[in-house]
Amino acid sequence: MKALFVKILVPIGIFIIGALGFSLIKASAADDGEKKPVDTRPTVSVSTLKAVEHQVVLTSFGEVKPLETTRLAAQVSGEVMSWHKNFVAGGLVKRGEVLFTIEKDNYQAALLQAEAALTSAQAALIEEQAKAQVAEDEAKRFPNKPRTDLFLRKPQVLSAQAQVKSAQAALMRAQRDLADCEVKAPYDALIISRDIGVGQFVNKGTQVAQLNNIETAEIIVPIAGFDSLFLPSPLAETPVNISYKGVNGFARQGKIARDLGIIDSATRMSHIVVQVDDPYNLKSQGSDLKFGKYVEVSFSGQQLSQVFKLPQELVNNRTVWVVDNEQKLQAKEVNILRSEGAFFLIDKGLTNDEKLVLTLPEYPQQGMAVKLAASKSSEALK
């Protein structure tokens, strides 16, 4: 009886369990049918593009050099009597200061002789002019009698006038020679070398010192070809910032003086000349801009209109990715106008309000559908 009971209940239990399992499977299948389809589009971050006005700043480096160097020479011969206390290597002197003096006795005597010769010539001229006046009066008393120029003493007067001019020229030379006994600085100068001393005899034309002009310094700055397109116009008088970045760093102001007008055949660079007033601060306060120092020069170039400033990592082979109105990726070829640091300046290939892709999918494809993360303005790219 018990066996019969088991035989009946086991099949029934198996049937019930199977029915329940089938119901569960069917319910699960029904639930799956009701689920929404999964969005498999990759998510990208974008930024809305806005064209900007951009001021190009050009930067280069150059060595500070004097505007001019003079090899000073004696204009007269004689013994050196004295020299300025700053007339030593490294000394600074101002325009017009006496650097050294040469014995004046001989030149003062020569000046006196020239003055005496001029007085004598002027006296001779007065005498000849008086004689000429007498001859002219004589001729007037006998108007019908022919008179020669010799009788009227015209040649004698001309000769006397010539003697006066000759004496005046000799006097000027004597005055100049006397003045040249005091050798003066032709400009505010840095003394590079001095080759004379007190008691030394120097001959006319002997080189006695070398000076560098410190009223103005020059910096010859190379400009690469890709930068030369953005030089300001006009170039002359453009303000320049000059800086030295070191332990004793400083900044100075200058201006562009001129373009050298040639392109270096080896480097293919052009060169501009920057001028700085009073580099050794003889008339002002501040850090000296010493000759030979290597400095950085920066100045404003052209103002660019309607350009896009993008990080370089977003531009690959002159191509950037944008998302169109249908939320699909589009590759756009752009023109890189200029590179500045970590950014490219782009003037063609993009338009305002386009959505620039900041984070690309691993394998971007033209026309690939994407979904957008939160958008941000291109100002955040700067």
Protein backbone atom coordinates (compact mmCIF):
# COMPACT_ATOMS: atom_id res chain seq x y z
CA MET A 1 0.00 0.00 0.00
CA LYS A 2 2.86 2.30 0.95
CA ALA A 3 4.66 1.53 -2.32
CA LEU A 4 1.51 2.26 -4.28
CA PHE A 5 1.22 5.61 -2.48
CA VAL A 6 4.81 6.52 -3.34
CA LYS A 7 4.34 5.57 -6.98
CA ILE A 8 1.37 7.92 -7.22
CA LEU A 9 2.74 10.90 -5.29
CA VAL A 10 6.22 11.07 -6.90
CA PRO A 11 4.95 11.55 -10.48
CA ILE A 12 2.47 14.12 -9.24
CA GLY A 13 5.21 16.03 -7.40
CA ILE A 14 7.46 15.95 -10.43
CA PHE A 15 4.66 17.28 -12.57
CA ILE A 16 3.91 20.11 -10.16
CA ILE A 17 7.58 21.08 -9.93
CA GLY A 18 7.91 21.07 -13.73
CA ALA A 19 4.82 23.20 -14.09
CA LEU A 20 6.13 25.69 -11.61
CA GLY A 21 9.52 25.82 -13.37
CA PHE A 22 7.87 26.35 -16.74
CA SER A 23 5.79 29.18 -15.32
CA LEU A 24 8.86 30.83 -13.90
CA ILE A 25 10.71 30.56 -17.21
CA LYS A 26 7.76 31.97 -19.08
CA ALA A 27 7.45 34.86 -16.63
CA SER A 28 11.14 35.62 -16.97
CA ALA A 29 10.89 35.60 -20.78
CA ALA A 30 7.97 38.00 -20.53
CA ASP A 31 9.98 40.34 -18.33
CA ASP A 32 12.91 40.30 -20.80
CA GLY A 33 10.59 41.26 -23.57
CA GLU A 34 9.48 44.30 -21.69
CA LYS A 35 13.09 45.68 -21.09
CA LYS A 36 14.25 48.79 -23.06
CA PRO A 37 17.10 48.34 -25.58
CA VAL A 38 20.61 49.10 -24.20
CA ASP A 39 22.34 52.37 -25.54
CA THR A 40 25.76 51.23 -26.74
CA ARG A 41 26.89 54.64 -28.08
CA PRO A 42 30.17 55.87 -26.58
CA THR A 43 30.03 58.98 -24.41
CA VAL A 44 32.18 61.95 -25.43
CA SER A 45 32.90 65.31 -23.79
CA VAL A 46 32.49 68.35 -26.02
CA SER A 47 33.11 72.07 -25.88
CA THR A 48 31.27 74.73 -27.85
CA LEU A 49 33.69 76.58 -30.11
CA LYS A 50 33.93 80.38 -30.01
CA ALA A 51 36.31 82.40 -32.20
CA VAL A 52 38.47 84.92 -30.32
CA GLU A 53 40.69 87.93 -30.91
CA HIS A 54 44.29 86.95 -30.17
CA GLN A 55 47.32 89.18 -29.59
CA VAL A 56 50.46 87.45 -30.87
CA VAL A 57 53.44 87.82 -28.54
CA LEU A 58 56.83 87.14 -30.13
CA THR A 59 59.74 85.99 -27.99
CA SER A 60 63.41 85.57 -28.85
CA PHE A 61 66.84 85.91 -27.29
CA GLY A 62 69.90 88.01 -28.03
CA GLU A 63 73.16 89.38 -26.68
CA VAL A 64 73.48 92.95 -25.41
CA LYS A 65 76.04 94.91 -27.43
CA PRO A 66 77.18 98.56 -27.55
CA LEU A 67 75.68 100.84 -30.16
CA GLU A 68 79.21 101.84 -31.13
CA THR A 69 82.81 101.20 -30.14
CA THR A 70 85.50 103.87 -30.49
CA ARG A 71 89.26 103.36 -30.65
CA LEU A 72 90.33 106.69 -29.21
CA ALA A 73 93.48 108.29 -30.68
CA ALA A 74 95.51 111.39 -29.82
CA GLN A 75 94.87 114.31 -32.17
CA VAL A 76 98.13 116.06 -31.23
CA SER A 77 101.59 114.97 -30.11
CA GLY A 78 102.95 115.63 -26.65
CA GLU A 79 103.49 114.44 -23.09
CA VAL A 80 100.53 113.12 -21.10
CA MET A 81 100.05 115.40 -18.08
CA SER A 82 97.02 113.88 -16.30
CA TRP A 83 94.02 111.58 -16.74
CA HIS A 84 90.50 111.24 -15.31
CA LYS A 85 90.11 109.01 -12.25
CA ASN A 86 87.53 106.91 -14.15
CA PHE A 87 89.74 106.64 -17.22
CA VAL A 88 90.52 103.00 -16.37
CA ALA A 89 89.21 99.68 -17.66
CA GLY A 90 85.64 99.34 -16.40
CA GLY A 91 85.28 103.04 -15.59
CA LEU A 92 82.22 105.03 -16.56
CA VAL A 93 82.53 108.58 -17.87
CA LYS A 94 80.00 111.09 -19.11
CA ARG A 95 79.90 112.85 -22.45
CA GLY A 96 82.30 115.81 -22.53
CA GLU A 97 84.39 114.85 -19.51
CA VAL A 98 88.16 115.27 -19.99
CA LEU A 99 89.75 111.83 -20.18
CA PHE A 100 93.39 112.97 -20.26
CA THR A 101 95.44 116.07 -21.05
CA ILE A 102 98.55 116.65 -23.16
CA GLU A 103 101.12 119.34 -22.44
CA LYS A 104 99.80 122.66 -23.82
CA ASP A 105 102.86 124.94 -23.82
CA ASN A 106 103.84 124.43 -27.46
CA TYR A 107 100.25 124.76 -28.65
CA GLN A 108 99.63 127.91 -26.62
CA ALA A 109 102.76 129.41 -28.22
CA ALA A 110 101.56 128.36 -31.66
CA LEU A 111 98.23 130.03 -30.94
CA LEU A 112 99.97 133.29 -30.02
CA GLN A 113 102.01 133.15 -33.23
CA ALA A 114 98.86 132.55 -35.26
CA GLU A 115 97.11 135.46 -33.59
CA ALA A 116 100.15 137.71 -34.33
CA ALA A 117 100.27 136.58 -37.95
CA LEU A 118 96.56 137.36 -38.33
CA THR A 119 97.03 140.84 -36.86
CA SER A 120 99.93 141.52 -39.21
CA ALA A 121 97.92 140.34 -42.22
CA GLN A 122 94.96 142.47 -41.22
CA ALA A 123 97.28 145.51 -40.90
CA ALA A 124 98.73 144.85 -44.35
CA LEU A 125 95.23 144.63 -45.76
CA ILE A 126 94.25 147.94 -44.21
CA GLU A 127 97.35 149.55 -45.69
CA GLU A 128 96.65 148.18 -49.17
CA GLN A 129 93.02 149.25 -48.99
CA ALA A 130 94.17 152.78 -48.10
CA LYS A 131 96.61 152.85 -51.01
CA ALA A 132 93.85 151.60 -53.31
CA GLN A 133 91.60 154.43 -52.13
CA VAL A 134 94.35 156.98 -52.91
CA ALA A 135 94.77 155.50 -56.40
CA GLU A 136 91.04 155.66 -56.98
CA ASP A 137 90.91 159.31 -55.95
CA GLU A 138 93.80 160.04 -58.32
CA ALA A 139 91.95 158.37 -61.16
CA LYS A 140 88.86 160.46 -60.50
CA ARG A 141 90.82 163.67 -60.92
CA PHE A 142 91.90 162.63 -64.40
CA PRO A 143 88.91 160.70 -65.72
CA ASN A 144 90.09 160.71 -69.33
CA LYS A 145 93.41 159.12 -68.54
CA PRO A 146 93.28 155.28 -68.64
CA ARG A 147 94.28 153.51 -65.41
CA THR A 148 95.28 149.86 -65.03
CA ASP A 149 94.22 147.51 -62.18
CA LEU A 150 97.80 147.53 -61.03
CA PHE A 151 97.69 151.31 -60.69
CA LEU A 152 94.41 151.00 -58.76
CA ARG A 153 96.14 148.34 -56.56
CA LYS A 154 93.43 145.74 -57.00
CA PRO A 155 95.91 142.79 -57.14
CA GLN A 156 97.65 144.09 -54.01
CA VAL A 157 94.35 144.28 -52.11
CA LEU A 158 93.37 140.76 -53.21
CA SER A 159 96.76 139.46 -52.10
CA ALA A 160 96.37 141.12 -48.71
CA GLN A 161 92.89 139.65 -48.32
CA ALA A 162 94.28 136.20 -49.11
CA GLN A 163 96.95 136.67 -46.47
CA VAL A 164 94.28 137.49 -43.90
CA LYS A 165 92.31 134.34 -44.77
CA SER A 166 95.45 132.24 -44.57
CA ALA A 167 96.23 133.71 -41.15
CA GLN A 168 92.66 133.04 -40.02
CA ALA A 169 92.99 129.39 -41.10
CA ALA A 170 96.29 129.07 -39.21
CA LEU A 171 94.62 130.55 -36.14
CA MET A 172 91.76 128.04 -36.35
CA ARG A 173 94.25 125.17 -36.57
CA ALA A 174 96.16 126.50 -33.59
CA GLN A 175 92.95 126.85 -31.58
CA ARG A 176 91.89 123.32 -32.52
CA ASP A 177 95.30 121.88 -31.62
CA LEU A 178 95.19 123.60 -28.25
CA ALA A 179 91.69 122.31 -27.60
CA ASP A 180 92.79 118.79 -28.63
CA CYS A 181 95.28 118.82 -25.76
CA GLU A 182 92.23 117.98 -23.63
CA VAL A 183 90.84 114.69 -24.91
CA LYS A 184 87.14 114.47 -24.03
CA ALA A 185 84.66 111.59 -23.98
CA PRO A 186 82.62 111.69 -27.22
CA TYR A 187 79.62 110.16 -25.39
CA ASP A 188 78.68 108.49 -22.12
CA ALA A 189 81.20 105.68 -22.21
CA LEU A 190 82.46 102.50 -20.60
CA ILE A 191 86.26 102.35 -20.71
CA ILE A 192 87.35 99.03 -22.17
CA SER A 193 91.10 99.66 -22.17
CA ARG A 194 93.64 102.47 -21.64
CA ASP A 195 97.15 102.36 -23.08
CA ILE A 196 98.77 105.55 -21.76
CA GLY A 197 100.06 106.96 -18.47
CA VAL A 198 101.26 110.26 -17.03
CA GLY A 199 104.62 111.31 -18.48
CA GLN A 200 104.22 109.17 -21.59
CA PHE A 201 104.83 110.88 -24.93
CA VAL A 202 102.17 110.16 -27.53
CA ASN A 203 102.28 110.91 -31.23
CA LYS A 204 99.42 112.23 -33.26
CA GLY A 205 97.19 109.35 -34.35
CA THR A 206 98.41 106.97 -31.62
CA GLN A 207 95.57 104.77 -30.31
CA VAL A 208 95.32 105.36 -26.58
CA ALA A 209 92.05 103.73 -25.44
CA GLN A 210 88.93 101.83 -26.43
CA LEU A 211 85.46 103.05 -25.41
CA ASN A 212 81.97 101.59 -25.63
CA ASN A 213 78.97 103.88 -25.99
CA ILE A 214 76.62 103.39 -23.01
CA GLU A 215 74.05 105.98 -24.00
CA THR A 216 72.34 103.26 -26.01
CA ALA A 217 72.75 99.48 -26.21
CA GLU A 218 71.65 97.20 -29.01
CA ILE A 219 70.34 93.64 -29.00
CA ILE A 220 70.31 91.82 -32.32
CA VAL A 221 67.41 89.41 -32.12
CA PRO A 222 66.86 86.49 -34.56
CA ILE A 223 63.33 86.00 -35.85
CA ALA A 224 62.35 82.60 -37.25
CA GLY A 225 60.54 82.44 -40.56
CA PHE A 226 57.24 81.31 -39.01
CA ASP A 227 57.40 84.27 -36.60
CA SER A 228 58.33 86.86 -39.22
CA LEU A 229 54.79 86.58 -40.64
CA PHE A 230 53.43 88.03 -37.41
CA LEU A 231 55.79 90.98 -36.93
CA PRO A 232 54.00 94.27 -36.18
CA SER A 233 53.66 96.92 -38.85
CA PRO A 234 55.24 99.40 -38.69
CA LEU A 235 58.11 97.63 -36.98
CA ALA A 236 60.18 100.62 -35.81
CA GLU A 237 59.46 102.08 -32.36
CA THR A 238 57.53 98.99 -31.20
CA PRO A 239 57.92 98.72 -27.39
CA VAL A 240 59.90 95.71 -26.20
CA ASN A 241 60.19 93.93 -22.84
CA ILE A 242 63.72 92.78 -22.00
CA SER A 243 64.26 90.33 -19.16
CA TYR A 244 67.00 88.28 -17.62
CA LYS A 245 65.91 85.20 -15.69
CA GLY A 246 68.60 84.23 -13.28
CA VAL A 247 69.66 84.64 -9.69
CA ASN A 248 69.64 88.42 -10.11
CA GLY A 249 66.87 88.60 -12.67
CA PHE A 250 65.52 91.92 -13.90
CA ALA A 251 63.33 93.52 -16.53
CA ARG A 252 63.96 96.56 -18.73
CA GLN A 253 62.14 98.38 -21.48
CA GLY A 254 63.37 99.07 -25.00
CA LYS A 255 62.16 99.57 -28.54
CA ILE A 256 62.70 98.07 -31.97
CA ALA A 257 65.03 100.29 -33.99
CA ARG A 258 65.18 98.57 -37.37
CA ASP A 259 65.28 95.36 -39.37
CA LEU A 260 68.72 94.37 -40.63
CA GLY A 261 67.10 93.65 -43.99
CA ILE A 262 68.72 90.28 -44.73
CA ILE A 263 67.99 86.60 -44.13
CA ASP A 264 70.82 84.50 -42.75
CA SER A 265 71.78 81.91 -45.38
CA ALA A 266 72.65 79.30 -42.74
CA THR A 267 69.69 79.62 -40.35
CA ARG A 268 67.13 81.21 -42.71
CA MET A 269 66.32 83.69 -39.97
CA SER A 270 65.92 87.43 -40.24
CA HIS A 271 67.21 89.79 -37.55
CA ILE A 272 65.83 92.89 -35.88
CA VAL A 273 67.70 95.39 -33.73
CA VAL A 274 66.37 96.38 -30.32
CA GLN A 275 67.72 99.51 -28.64
CA VAL A 276 67.83 100.21 -24.90
CA ASP A 277 68.62 103.66 -23.50
CA ASP A 278 71.09 104.10 -20.65
CA PRO A 279 71.91 100.37 -20.20
CA TYR A 280 74.36 101.08 -17.35
CA ASN A 281 71.93 103.41 -15.52
CA LEU A 282 74.28 106.37 -15.57
CA LYS A 283 71.25 108.66 -15.52
CA SER A 284 68.71 106.44 -13.76
CA GLN A 285 68.30 103.71 -11.15
CA GLY A 286 67.94 99.99 -11.76
CA SER A 287 69.82 96.88 -12.78
CA ASP A 288 72.65 97.30 -15.26
CA LEU A 289 72.14 95.74 -18.67
CA LYS A 290 75.76 94.82 -19.16
CA PHE A 291 77.29 94.21 -22.56
CA GLY A 292 77.60 90.51 -23.31
CA LYS A 293 74.56 89.51 -21.23
CA TYR A 294 72.16 87.09 -22.94
CA VAL A 295 68.57 88.26 -22.45
CA GLU A 296 65.03 87.39 -23.45
CA VAL A 297 63.16 89.84 -25.67
CA SER A 298 59.38 89.82 -26.09
CA PHE A 299 57.01 92.18 -27.86
CA SER A 300 53.50 92.32 -29.29
CA GLY A 301 53.07 91.17 -32.87
CA GLN A 302 49.96 91.26 -35.00
CA GLN A 303 46.41 91.13 -33.65
CA LEU A 304 44.63 88.04 -35.04
CA SER A 305 40.87 88.12 -35.61
CA GLN A 306 38.42 85.23 -35.53
CA VAL A 307 40.78 82.40 -34.62
CA PHE A 308 40.25 79.30 -32.52
CA LYS A 309 42.74 78.43 -29.78
CA LEU A 310 42.88 74.67 -29.26
CA PRO A 311 45.14 72.42 -27.17
CA GLN A 312 47.60 70.63 -29.42
CA GLU A 313 46.51 67.17 -28.19
CA LEU A 314 43.12 67.72 -29.82
CA VAL A 315 44.67 68.22 -33.27
CA ASN A 316 46.06 65.16 -35.05
CA ASN A 317 47.46 65.45 -38.58
CA ARG A 318 45.66 68.80 -38.98
CA THR A 319 42.38 67.09 -38.13
CA VAL A 320 39.96 67.66 -35.26
CA TRP A 321 36.73 65.86 -34.39
CA VAL A 322 33.39 67.55 -33.89
CA VAL A 323 29.86 66.31 -33.21
CA ASP A 324 27.20 67.34 -35.71
CA ASN A 325 23.54 68.09 -35.06
CA GLU A 326 22.68 64.39 -35.34
CA GLN A 327 25.20 63.57 -32.60
CA LYS A 328 27.59 61.86 -34.99
CA LEU A 329 31.35 62.26 -35.18
CA GLN A 330 32.74 64.30 -38.04
CA ALA A 331 36.46 64.73 -38.83
CA LYS A 332 37.34 68.27 -39.96
CA GLU A 333 40.58 69.34 -41.63
CA VAL A 334 41.87 72.64 -40.23
CA ASN A 335 44.57 75.16 -41.05
CA ILE A 336 47.05 75.75 -38.22
CA LEU A 337 47.97 79.40 -38.37
CA ARG A 338 50.43 79.36 -35.49
CA SER A 339 51.69 77.29 -32.59
CA GLU A 340 52.01 78.95 -29.17
CA GLY A 341 53.14 76.79 -26.27
CA ALA A 342 50.66 73.94 -25.82
CA PHE A 343 48.10 75.51 -28.17
CA PHE A 344 47.39 75.80 -31.89
CA LEU A 345 45.78 78.89 -33.40
CA ILE A 346 43.39 77.81 -36.16
CA ASP A 347 41.89 80.19 -38.69
CA LYS A 348 40.18 77.84 -41.18
CA GLY A 349 38.16 74.65 -40.99
CA LEU A 350 36.01 75.42 -37.94
CA THR A 351 32.99 77.62 -37.29
CA ASN A 352 31.43 79.18 -34.24
CA ASP A 353 29.15 77.04 -32.04
CA GLU A 354 30.47 73.74 -33.37
CA LYS A 355 30.88 71.06 -30.70
CA LEU A 356 34.53 70.14 -30.41
CA VAL A 357 35.20 66.64 -29.09
CA LEU A 358 37.50 66.68 -26.06
CA THR A 359 37.50 62.93 -25.28
CA LEU A 360 37.44 60.66 -28.33
CA PRO A 361 36.30 57.03 -28.30
CA GLU A 362 39.06 54.46 -28.62
CA TYR A 363 38.42 53.92 -32.33
CA PRO A 364 36.61 56.99 -33.70
CA GLN A 365 34.92 56.61 -37.06
CA GLN A 366 33.41 59.13 -39.44
CA GLY A 367 29.66 59.24 -38.77
CA MET A 368 29.89 57.25 -35.52
CA ALA A 369 26.89 57.94 -33.26
CA VAL A 370 27.83 59.22 -29.82
CA LYS A 371 26.14 60.59 -26.74
CA LEU A 372 27.28 63.81 -25.12
CA ALA A 373 28.54 64.48 -21.67
CA ALA A 374 28.00 67.91 -20.15
CA SER A 375 29.01 70.64 -22.62
CA LYS A 376 31.35 73.53 -21.75
CA SER A 377 32.50 76.67 -23.48
CA SER A 378 35.76 76.81 -25.44
CA GLU A 379 36.89 79.56 -23.03
CA ALA A 380 37.71 76.72 -20.64
CA LEU A 381 40.33 75.49 -23.12
CA LYS A 382 42.55 78.56 -22.59
